């Protein structure tokens, strides 16, 4: 695979991960009593994800030097965020009473 093609593949994969993070964040807001926040701050060059239940923080992750981050390392961090959010969602779902 050429370098340009590889970079496009990584960018597409990262875009997919961003979409998953945003979808999960939206799910927390709509389907649970958890609050979530996703912030891309261009001035501070950070990407921040936060999940709370009430005032209790459950998960926080901040990627510093976001625009300068190696694309493969960025992908690794985004996958970790997605996995953590999926784990929280699975925990919420497992605690819900089953419908008849």
PDB file of N, CA and C in Angstrom:
ATOM      1  N   UNK A   1       0.844  -1.175   0.000  1.00  0.00           N
ATOM      2  CA  UNK A   1       0.000   0.000   0.000  1.00  0.00           C
ATOM      3  C   UNK A   1       0.890   1.238   0.000  1.00  0.00           C
ATOM      4  N   UNK A   2       0.607   2.182  -0.855  1.00  0.00           N
ATOM      5  CA  UNK A   2       1.394   3.403  -0.911  1.00  0.00           C
ATOM      6  C   UNK A   2       1.172   4.225   0.349  1.00  0.00           C
ATOM      7  N   UNK A   3       2.144   5.087   0.652  1.00  0.00           N
ATOM      8  CA  UNK A   3       2.062   5.919   1.848  1.00  0.00           C
ATOM      9  C   UNK A   3       0.798   6.777   1.856  1.00  0.00           C
ATOM     10  N   UNK A   4       0.464   7.383   0.719  1.00  0.00           N
ATOM     11  CA  UNK A   4      -0.725   8.231   0.640  1.00  0.00           C
ATOM     12  C   UNK A   4      -1.993   7.422   0.899  1.00  0.00           C
ATOM     13  N   UNK A   5      -2.073   6.227   0.334  1.00  0.00           N
ATOM     14  CA  UNK A   5      -3.227   5.353   0.543  1.00  0.00           C
ATOM     15  C   UNK A   5      -3.319   4.916   1.991  1.00  0.00           C
ATOM     16  N   UNK A   6      -2.192   4.614   2.598  1.00  0.00           N
ATOM     17  CA  UNK A   6      -2.163   4.216   3.997  1.00  0.00           C
ATOM     18  C   UNK A   6      -2.650   5.356   4.879  1.00  0.00           C
ATOM     19  N   UNK A   7      -2.201   6.580   4.614  1.00  0.00           N
ATOM     20  CA  UNK A   7      -2.646   7.730   5.400  1.00  0.00           C
ATOM     21  C   UNK A   7      -4.148   7.939   5.269  1.00  0.00           C
ATOM     22  N   UNK A   8      -4.698   7.792   4.074  1.00  0.00           N
ATOM     23  CA  UNK A   8      -6.142   7.926   3.880  1.00  0.00           C
ATOM     24  C   UNK A   8      -6.891   6.841   4.627  1.00  0.00           C
ATOM     25  N   UNK A   9      -6.345   5.614   4.610  1.00  0.00           N
ATOM     26  CA  UNK A   9      -6.971   4.510   5.334  1.00  0.00           C
ATOM     27  C   UNK A   9      -7.007   4.804   6.831  1.00  0.00           C
ATOM     28  N   UNK A  10      -5.901   5.293   7.378  1.00  0.00           N
ATOM     29  CA  UNK A  10      -5.834   5.610   8.805  1.00  0.00           C
ATOM     30  C   UNK A  10      -6.788   6.750   9.139  1.00  0.00           C
ATOM     31  N   UNK A  11      -6.845   7.774   8.278  1.00  0.00           N
ATOM     32  CA  UNK A  11      -7.757   8.885   8.518  1.00  0.00           C
ATOM     33  C   UNK A  11      -9.201   8.411   8.503  1.00  0.00           C
ATOM     34  N   UNK A  12      -9.564   7.531   7.551  1.00  0.00           N
ATOM     35  CA  UNK A  12     -10.921   6.991   7.494  1.00  0.00           C
ATOM     36  C   UNK A  12     -11.243   6.171   8.740  1.00  0.00           C
ATOM     37  N   UNK A  13     -10.280   5.372   9.177  1.00  0.00           N
ATOM     38  CA  UNK A  13     -10.481   4.574  10.383  1.00  0.00           C
ATOM     39  C   UNK A  13     -10.671   5.487  11.594  1.00  0.00           C
ATOM     40  N   UNK A  14      -9.876   6.552  11.679  1.00  0.00           N
ATOM     41  CA  UNK A  14     -10.015   7.485  12.798  1.00  0.00           C
ATOM     42  C   UNK A  14     -11.347   8.216  12.737  1.00  0.00           C
ATOM     43  N   UNK A  15     -11.800   8.580  11.554  1.00  0.00           N
ATOM     44  CA  UNK A  15     -13.093   9.239  11.406  1.00  0.00           C
ATOM     45  C   UNK A  15     -14.210   8.323  11.894  1.00  0.00           C
ATOM     46  N   UNK A  16     -14.110   7.059  11.564  1.00  0.00           N
ATOM     47  CA  UNK A  16     -15.081   6.080  12.036  1.00  0.00           C
ATOM     48  C   UNK A  16     -15.085   6.007  13.565  1.00  0.00           C
ATOM     49  N   UNK A  17     -13.907   6.065  14.167  1.00  0.00           N
ATOM     50  CA  UNK A  17     -13.812   6.036  15.633  1.00  0.00           C
ATOM     51  C   UNK A  17     -14.406   7.306  16.248  1.00  0.00           C
ATOM     52  N   UNK A  18     -14.160   8.460  15.634  1.00  0.00           N
ATOM     53  CA  UNK A  18     -14.773   9.704  16.109  1.00  0.00           C
ATOM     54  C   UNK A  18     -16.292   9.590  16.056  1.00  0.00           C
ATOM     55  N   UNK A  19     -16.802   9.016  14.981  1.00  0.00           N
ATOM     56  CA  UNK A  19     -18.249   8.841  14.847  1.00  0.00           C
ATOM     57  C   UNK A  19     -18.799   7.928  15.932  1.00  0.00           C
ATOM     58  N   UNK A  20     -18.073   6.865  16.241  1.00  0.00           N
ATOM     59  CA  UNK A  20     -18.499   5.952  17.308  1.00  0.00           C
ATOM     60  C   UNK A  20     -18.530   6.676  18.654  1.00  0.00           C
ATOM     61  N   UNK A  21     -17.504   7.460  18.937  1.00  0.00           N
ATOM     62  CA  UNK A  21     -17.439   8.198  20.193  1.00  0.00           C
ATOM     63  C   UNK A  21     -18.615   9.165  20.290  1.00  0.00           C
ATOM     64  N   UNK A  22     -18.884   9.887  19.215  1.00  0.00           N
ATOM     65  CA  UNK A  22     -20.013  10.824  19.222  1.00  0.00           C
ATOM     66  C   UNK A  22     -21.339  10.102  19.382  1.00  0.00           C
ATOM     67  N   UNK A  23     -21.504   8.969  18.722  1.00  0.00           N
ATOM     68  CA  UNK A  23     -22.740   8.193  18.843  1.00  0.00           C
ATOM     69  C   UNK A  23     -22.938   7.669  20.262  1.00  0.00           C
ATOM     70  N   UNK A  24     -21.878   7.164  20.855  1.00  0.00           N
ATOM     71  CA  UNK A  24     -21.977   6.674  22.230  1.00  0.00           C
ATOM     72  C   UNK A  24     -22.274   7.818  23.197  1.00  0.00           C
ATOM     73  N   UNK A  25     -21.647   8.954  22.979  1.00  0.00           N
ATOM     74  CA  UNK A  25     -21.902  10.118  23.820  1.00  0.00           C
ATOM     75  C   UNK A  25     -23.378  10.523  23.730  1.00  0.00           C
ATOM     76  N   UNK A  26     -23.904  10.525  22.532  1.00  0.00           N
ATOM     77  CA  UNK A  26     -25.317  10.850  22.324  1.00  0.00           C
ATOM     78  C   UNK A  26     -26.207   9.814  23.009  1.00  0.00           C
ATOM     79  N   UNK A  27     -25.843   8.538  22.910  1.00  0.00           N
ATOM     80  CA  UNK A  27     -26.614   7.472  23.553  1.00  0.00           C
ATOM     81  C   UNK A  27     -26.693   7.708  25.067  1.00  0.00           C
ATOM     82  N   UNK A  28     -25.557   8.058  25.690  1.00  0.00           N
ATOM     83  CA  UNK A  28     -25.563   8.325  27.136  1.00  0.00           C
ATOM     84  C   UNK A  28     -26.551   9.431  27.478  1.00  0.00           C
ATOM     85  N   UNK A  29     -26.569  10.478  26.679  1.00  0.00           N
ATOM     86  CA  UNK A  29     -27.445  11.618  26.948  1.00  0.00           C
ATOM     87  C   UNK A  29     -28.922  11.272  26.777  1.00  0.00           C
ATOM     88  N   UNK A  30     -29.243  10.472  25.775  1.00  0.00           N
ATOM     89  CA  UNK A  30     -30.637  10.178  25.442  1.00  0.00           C
ATOM     90  C   UNK A  30     -31.176   8.960  26.186  1.00  0.00           C
ATOM     91  N   UNK A  31     -30.376   7.923  26.310  1.00  0.00           N
ATOM     92  CA  UNK A  31     -30.863   6.630  26.806  1.00  0.00           C
ATOM     93  C   UNK A  31     -30.511   6.319  28.256  1.00  0.00           C
ATOM     94  N   UNK A  32     -29.806   7.216  28.933  1.00  0.00           N
ATOM     95  CA  UNK A  32     -29.404   6.931  30.312  1.00  0.00           C
ATOM     96  C   UNK A  32     -29.444   8.210  31.129  1.00  0.00           C
ATOM     97  N   UNK A  33     -29.171   8.065  32.415  1.00  0.00           N
ATOM     98  CA  UNK A  33     -29.087   9.254  33.273  1.00  0.00           C
ATOM     99  C   UNK A  33     -27.625   9.687  33.444  1.00  0.00           C
ATOM    100  N   UNK A  34     -26.796   9.293  32.504  1.00  0.00           N
ATOM    101  CA  UNK A  34     -25.390   9.678  32.480  1.00  0.00           C
ATOM    102  C   UNK A  34     -25.238  10.895  31.572  1.00  0.00           C
ATOM    103  N   UNK A  35     -24.298  11.733  31.887  1.00  0.00           N
ATOM    104  CA  UNK A  35     -24.011  12.907  31.067  1.00  0.00           C
ATOM    105  C   UNK A  35     -22.651  12.707  30.413  1.00  0.00           C
ATOM    106  N   UNK A  36     -22.554  13.099  29.162  1.00  0.00           N
ATOM    107  CA  UNK A  36     -21.280  12.955  28.462  1.00  0.00           C
ATOM    108  C   UNK A  36     -20.953  14.248  27.734  1.00  0.00           C
ATOM    109  N   UNK A  37     -19.662  14.415  27.509  1.00  0.00           N
ATOM    110  CA  UNK A  37     -19.188  15.609  26.840  1.00  0.00           C
ATOM    111  C   UNK A  37     -17.982  15.224  25.985  1.00  0.00           C
ATOM    112  N   UNK A  38     -17.981  15.710  24.752  1.00  0.00           N
ATOM    113  CA  UNK A  38     -16.855  15.509  23.847  1.00  0.00           C
ATOM    114  C   UNK A  38     -16.469  16.885  23.326  1.00  0.00           C
ATOM    115  N   UNK A  39     -15.196  17.261  23.518  1.00  0.00           N
ATOM    116  CA  UNK A  39     -14.745  18.596  23.128  1.00  0.00           C
ATOM    117  C   UNK A  39     -13.451  18.490  22.330  1.00  0.00           C
ATOM    118  N   UNK A  40     -13.464  19.071  21.148  1.00  0.00           N
ATOM    119  CA  UNK A  40     -12.242  19.246  20.364  1.00  0.00           C
ATOM    120  C   UNK A  40     -11.890  20.722  20.457  1.00  0.00           C
ATOM    121  N   UNK A  41     -10.834  21.031  21.186  1.00  0.00           N
ATOM    122  CA  UNK A  41     -10.418  22.415  21.409  1.00  0.00           C
ATOM    123  C   UNK A  41      -9.212  22.733  20.539  1.00  0.00           C
ATOM    124  N   UNK A  42      -9.445  23.495  19.475  1.00  0.00           N
ATOM    125  CA  UNK A  42      -8.369  23.812  18.535  1.00  0.00           C
ATOM    126  C   UNK A  42      -7.313  24.719  19.159  1.00  0.00           C
ATOM    127  N   UNK A  43      -7.729  25.613  20.044  1.00  0.00           N
ATOM    128  CA  UNK A  43      -6.766  26.523  20.669  1.00  0.00           C
ATOM    129  C   UNK A  43      -5.805  25.785  21.595  1.00  0.00           C
ATOM    130  N   UNK A  44      -6.333  24.838  22.363  1.00  0.00           N
ATOM    131  CA  UNK A  44      -5.489  24.063  23.275  1.00  0.00           C
ATOM    132  C   UNK A  44      -4.926  22.808  22.609  1.00  0.00           C
ATOM    133  N   UNK A  45      -5.410  22.512  21.395  1.00  0.00           N
ATOM    134  CA  UNK A  45      -4.990  21.329  20.645  1.00  0.00           C
ATOM    135  C   UNK A  45      -5.241  20.052  21.441  1.00  0.00           C
ATOM    136  N   UNK A  46      -6.472  19.949  21.975  1.00  0.00           N
ATOM    137  CA  UNK A  46      -6.847  18.781  22.769  1.00  0.00           C
ATOM    138  C   UNK A  46      -8.177  18.203  22.300  1.00  0.00           C
ATOM    139  N   UNK A  47      -8.352  16.931  22.598  1.00  0.00           N
ATOM    140  CA  UNK A  47      -9.615  16.223  22.380  1.00  0.00           C
ATOM    141  C   UNK A  47      -9.972  15.612  23.727  1.00  0.00           C
ATOM    142  N   UNK A  48     -11.130  15.963  24.248  1.00  0.00           N
ATOM    143  CA  UNK A  48     -11.497  15.617  25.611  1.00  0.00           C
ATOM    144  C   UNK A  48     -12.836  14.880  25.619  1.00  0.00           C
ATOM    145  N   UNK A  49     -12.885  13.764  26.352  1.00  0.00           N
ATOM    146  CA  UNK A  49     -14.109  12.980  26.504  1.00  0.00           C
ATOM    147  C   UNK A  49     -14.348  12.794  27.996  1.00  0.00           C
ATOM    148  N   UNK A  50     -15.607  13.013  28.414  1.00  0.00           N
ATOM    149  CA  UNK A  50     -15.948  12.921  29.824  1.00  0.00           C
ATOM    150  C   UNK A  50     -17.335  12.293  29.967  1.00  0.00           C
ATOM    151  N   UNK A  51     -17.481  11.355  30.910  1.00  0.00           N
ATOM    152  CA  UNK A  51     -18.775  10.751  31.226  1.00  0.00           C
ATOM    153  C   UNK A  51     -18.970  10.860  32.731  1.00  0.00           C
ATOM    154  N   UNK A  52     -20.153  11.347  33.132  1.00  0.00           N
ATOM    155  CA  UNK A  52     -20.481  11.494  34.547  1.00  0.00           C
ATOM    156  C   UNK A  52     -21.845  10.892  34.833  1.00  0.00           C
ATOM    157  N   UNK A  53     -22.011  10.443  36.071  1.00  0.00           N
ATOM    158  CA  UNK A  53     -23.328  10.079  36.576  1.00  0.00           C
ATOM    159  C   UNK A  53     -23.598  11.051  37.710  1.00  0.00           C
ATOM    160  N   UNK A  54     -24.506  11.969  37.468  1.00  0.00           N
ATOM    161  CA  UNK A  54     -24.698  13.062  38.412  1.00  0.00           C
ATOM    162  C   UNK A  54     -23.454  13.929  38.394  1.00  0.00           C
ATOM    163  N   UNK A  55     -22.880  14.129  39.573  1.00  0.00           N
ATOM    164  CA  UNK A  55     -21.635  14.898  39.651  1.00  0.00           C
ATOM    165  C   UNK A  55     -20.404  13.999  39.735  1.00  0.00           C
ATOM    166  N   UNK A  56     -20.641  12.696  39.767  1.00  0.00           N
ATOM    167  CA  UNK A  56     -19.556  11.714  39.902  1.00  0.00           C
ATOM    168  C   UNK A  56     -18.917  11.408  38.552  1.00  0.00           C
ATOM    169  N   UNK A  57     -17.643  11.773  38.356  1.00  0.00           N
ATOM    170  CA  UNK A  57     -16.987  11.423  37.091  1.00  0.00           C
ATOM    171  C   UNK A  57     -16.732   9.916  37.002  1.00  0.00           C
ATOM    172  N   UNK A  58     -17.112   9.324  35.879  1.00  0.00           N
ATOM    173  CA  UNK A  58     -16.895   7.892  35.665  1.00  0.00           C
ATOM    174  C   UNK A  58     -15.735   7.631  34.710  1.00  0.00           C
ATOM    175  N   UNK A  59     -15.579   8.528  33.744  1.00  0.00           N
ATOM    176  CA  UNK A  59     -14.542   8.320  32.741  1.00  0.00           C
ATOM    177  C   UNK A  59     -14.121   9.673  32.186  1.00  0.00           C
ATOM    178  N   UNK A  60     -12.826   9.865  32.097  1.00  0.00           N
ATOM    179  CA  UNK A  60     -12.270  11.076  31.493  1.00  0.00           C
ATOM    180  C   UNK A  60     -11.025  10.689  30.709  1.00  0.00           C
ATOM    181  N   UNK A  61     -10.942  11.220  29.511  1.00  0.00           N
ATOM    182  CA  UNK A  61      -9.739  10.992  28.707  1.00  0.00           C
ATOM    183  C   UNK A  61      -9.462  12.256  27.906  1.00  0.00           C
ATOM    184  N   UNK A  62      -8.220  12.699  27.946  1.00  0.00           N
ATOM    185  CA  UNK A  62      -7.817  13.886  27.202  1.00  0.00           C
ATOM    186  C   UNK A  62      -6.614  13.534  26.336  1.00  0.00           C
ATOM    187  N   UNK A  63      -6.724  13.832  25.052  1.00  0.00           N
ATOM    188  CA  UNK A  63      -5.613  13.640  24.132  1.00  0.00           C
ATOM    189  C   UNK A  63      -4.983  15.003  23.893  1.00  0.00           C
ATOM    190  N   UNK A  64      -3.775  15.178  24.384  1.00  0.00           N
ATOM    191  CA  UNK A  64      -3.041  16.434  24.203  1.00  0.00           C
ATOM    192  C   UNK A  64      -2.285  16.415  22.882  1.00  0.00           C
ATOM    193  N   UNK A  65      -1.935  17.579  22.390  1.00  0.00           N
ATOM    194  CA  UNK A  65      -1.181  17.714  21.122  1.00  0.00           C
ATOM    195  C   UNK A  65      -1.884  16.940  20.010  1.00  0.00           C
ATOM    196  N   UNK A  66      -3.194  17.081  19.999  1.00  0.00           N
ATOM    197  CA  UNK A  66      -4.054  16.305  19.114  1.00  0.00           C
ATOM    198  C   UNK A  66      -3.634  16.382  17.644  1.00  0.00           C
ATOM    199  N   UNK A  67      -3.409  17.574  17.125  1.00  0.00           N
ATOM    200  CA  UNK A  67      -3.110  17.729  15.700  1.00  0.00           C
ATOM    201  C   UNK A  67      -1.712  17.237  15.328  1.00  0.00           C
ATOM    202  N   UNK A  68      -0.836  17.121  16.331  1.00  0.00           N
ATOM    203  CA  UNK A  68       0.542  16.693  16.065  1.00  0.00           C
ATOM    204  C   UNK A  68       0.771  15.210  16.370  1.00  0.00           C
ATOM    205  N   UNK A  69      -0.276  14.559  16.867  1.00  0.00           N
ATOM    206  CA  UNK A  69      -0.169  13.165  17.293  1.00  0.00           C
ATOM    207  C   UNK A  69       0.044  12.254  16.088  1.00  0.00           C
ATOM    208  N   UNK A  70       0.951  11.308  16.222  1.00  0.00           N
ATOM    209  CA  UNK A  70       1.146  10.275  15.210  1.00  0.00           C
ATOM    210  C   UNK A  70      -0.208   9.591  14.967  1.00  0.00           C
ATOM    211  N   UNK A  71      -0.581   9.427  13.707  1.00  0.00           N
ATOM    212  CA  UNK A  71      -1.905   8.892  13.357  1.00  0.00           C
ATOM    213  C   UNK A  71      -2.147   7.503  13.943  1.00  0.00           C
ATOM    214  N   UNK A  72      -1.109   6.671  14.002  1.00  0.00           N
ATOM    215  CA  UNK A  72      -1.283   5.336  14.577  1.00  0.00           C
ATOM    216  C   UNK A  72      -1.490   5.401  16.087  1.00  0.00           C
ATOM    217  N   UNK A  73      -0.768   6.298  16.757  1.00  0.00           N
ATOM    218  CA  UNK A  73      -0.969   6.471  18.196  1.00  0.00           C
ATOM    219  C   UNK A  73      -2.345   7.057  18.476  1.00  0.00           C
ATOM    220  N   UNK A  74      -2.764   7.986  17.626  1.00  0.00           N
ATOM    221  CA  UNK A  74      -4.090   8.574  17.772  1.00  0.00           C
ATOM    222  C   UNK A  74      -5.163   7.497  17.627  1.00  0.00           C
ATOM    223  N   UNK A  75      -4.993   6.645  16.631  1.00  0.00           N
ATOM    224  CA  UNK A  75      -5.948   5.546  16.440  1.00  0.00           C
ATOM    225  C   UNK A  75      -5.997   4.655  17.673  1.00  0.00           C
ATOM    226  N   UNK A  76      -4.845   4.344  18.239  1.00  0.00           N
ATOM    227  CA  UNK A  76      -4.776   3.520  19.445  1.00  0.00           C
ATOM    228  C   UNK A  76      -5.550   4.175  20.593  1.00  0.00           C
ATOM    229  N   UNK A  77      -5.361   5.480  20.795  1.00  0.00           N
ATOM    230  CA  UNK A  77      -6.067   6.191  21.867  1.00  0.00           C
ATOM    231  C   UNK A  77      -7.567   6.247  21.608  1.00  0.00           C
ATOM    232  N   UNK A  78      -7.961   6.467  20.366  1.00  0.00           N
ATOM    233  CA  UNK A  78      -9.385   6.518  20.037  1.00  0.00           C
ATOM    234  C   UNK A  78     -10.046   5.160  20.251  1.00  0.00           C
ATOM    235  N   UNK A  79      -9.358   4.091  19.897  1.00  0.00           N
ATOM    236  CA  UNK A  79      -9.890   2.744  20.143  1.00  0.00           C
ATOM    237  C   UNK A  79     -10.070   2.517  21.640  1.00  0.00           C
ATOM    238  N   UNK A  80      -9.119   2.972  22.446  1.00  0.00           N
ATOM    239  CA  UNK A  80      -9.225   2.828  23.904  1.00  0.00           C
ATOM    240  C   UNK A  80     -10.443   3.593  24.426  1.00  0.00           C
ATOM    241  N   UNK A  81     -10.684   4.789  23.890  1.00  0.00           N
ATOM    242  CA  UNK A  81     -11.856   5.565  24.306  1.00  0.00           C
ATOM    243  C   UNK A  81     -13.138   4.824  23.933  1.00  0.00           C
ATOM    244  N   UNK A  82     -13.225   4.354  22.696  1.00  0.00           N
ATOM    245  CA  UNK A  82     -14.414   3.617  22.253  1.00  0.00           C
ATOM    246  C   UNK A  82     -14.650   2.404  23.142  1.00  0.00           C
ATOM    247  N   UNK A  83     -13.609   1.634  23.415  1.00  0.00           N
ATOM    248  CA  UNK A  83     -13.756   0.437  24.262  1.00  0.00           C
ATOM    249  C   UNK A  83     -14.230   0.797  25.663  1.00  0.00           C
ATOM    250  N   UNK A  84     -13.715   1.875  26.219  1.00  0.00           N
ATOM    251  CA  UNK A  84     -14.140   2.297  27.559  1.00  0.00           C
ATOM    252  C   UNK A  84     -15.606   2.727  27.558  1.00  0.00           C
ATOM    253  N   UNK A  85     -16.002   3.484  26.552  1.00  0.00           N
ATOM    254  CA  UNK A  85     -17.399   3.927  26.467  1.00  0.00           C
ATOM    255  C   UNK A  85     -18.337   2.743  26.236  1.00  0.00           C
ATOM    256  N   UNK A  86     -17.916   1.790  25.419  1.00  0.00           N
ATOM    257  CA  UNK A  86     -18.727   0.586  25.211  1.00  0.00           C
ATOM    258  C   UNK A  86     -18.869  -0.211  26.496  1.00  0.00           C
ATOM    259  N   UNK A  87     -17.819  -0.277  27.279  1.00  0.00           N
ATOM    260  CA  UNK A  87     -17.878  -0.984  28.565  1.00  0.00           C
ATOM    261  C   UNK A  87     -18.886  -0.303  29.498  1.00  0.00           C
ATOM    262  N   UNK A  88     -18.861   1.009  29.559  1.00  0.00           N
ATOM    263  CA  UNK A  88     -19.826   1.749  30.392  1.00  0.00           C
ATOM    264  C   UNK A  88     -21.242   1.488  29.894  1.00  0.00           C
ATOM    265  N   UNK A  89     -21.442   1.541  28.583  1.00  0.00           N
ATOM    266  CA  UNK A  89     -22.770   1.282  28.020  1.00  0.00           C
ATOM    267  C   UNK A  89     -23.231  -0.137  28.351  1.00  0.00           C
ATOM    268  N   UNK A  90     -22.368  -1.122  28.187  1.00  0.00           N
ATOM    269  CA  UNK A  90     -22.721  -2.507  28.510  1.00  0.00           C
ATOM    270  C   UNK A  90     -23.104  -2.654  29.973  1.00  0.00           C
ATOM    271  N   UNK A  91     -22.378  -1.963  30.850  1.00  0.00           N
ATOM    272  CA  UNK A  91     -22.690  -2.006  32.280  1.00  0.00           C
ATOM    273  C   UNK A  91     -24.067  -1.409  32.548  1.00  0.00           C
ATOM    274  N   UNK A  92     -24.366  -0.288  31.918  1.00  0.00           N
ATOM    275  CA  UNK A  92     -25.688   0.344  32.070  1.00  0.00           C
ATOM    276  C   UNK A  92     -26.775  -0.607  31.589  1.00  0.00           C
ATOM    277  N   UNK A  93     -26.566  -1.196  30.427  1.00  0.00           N
ATOM    278  CA  UNK A  93     -27.564  -2.093  29.844  1.00  0.00           C
ATOM    279  C   UNK A  93     -27.776  -3.340  30.706  1.00  0.00           C
ATOM    280  N   UNK A  94     -26.724  -3.856  31.305  1.00  0.00           N
ATOM    281  CA  UNK A  94     -26.851  -5.068  32.118  1.00  0.00           C
ATOM    282  C   UNK A  94     -27.582  -4.793  33.429  1.00  0.00           C
ATOM    283  N   UNK A  95     -27.617  -3.553  33.854  1.00  0.00           N
ATOM    284  CA  UNK A  95     -28.306  -3.203  35.103  1.00  0.00           C
ATOM    285  C   UNK A  95     -29.767  -2.859  34.897  1.00  0.00           C
ATOM    286  N   UNK A  96     -30.178  -2.739  33.669  1.00  0.00           N
ATOM    287  CA  UNK A  96     -31.585  -2.429  33.379  1.00  0.00           C
ATOM    288  C   UNK A  96     -32.429  -3.689  33.556  1.00  0.00           C
ATOM    289  N   UNK A  97     -33.625  -3.508  34.081  1.00  0.00           N
ATOM    290  CA  UNK A  97     -34.495  -4.682  34.191  1.00  0.00           C
ATOM    291  C   UNK A  97     -34.901  -5.164  32.797  1.00  0.00           C
ATOM    292  N   UNK A  98     -34.964  -6.465  32.662  1.00  0.00           N
ATOM    293  CA  UNK A  98     -35.353  -7.034  31.367  1.00  0.00           C
ATOM    294  C   UNK A  98     -36.849  -6.848  31.172  1.00  0.00           C
ATOM    295  N   UNK A  99     -37.235  -6.501  29.951  1.00  0.00           N
ATOM    296  CA  UNK A  99     -38.652  -6.341  29.663  1.00  0.00           C
ATOM    297  C   UNK A  99     -39.256  -7.707  29.324  1.00  0.00           C
ATOM    298  N   UNK A 100     -40.517  -7.846  29.636  1.00  0.00           N
ATOM    299  CA  UNK A 100     -41.193  -9.134  29.436  1.00  0.00           C
ATOM    300  C   UNK A 100     -41.560  -9.371  28.013  1.00  0.00           C
TER     301      UNK A 100
END
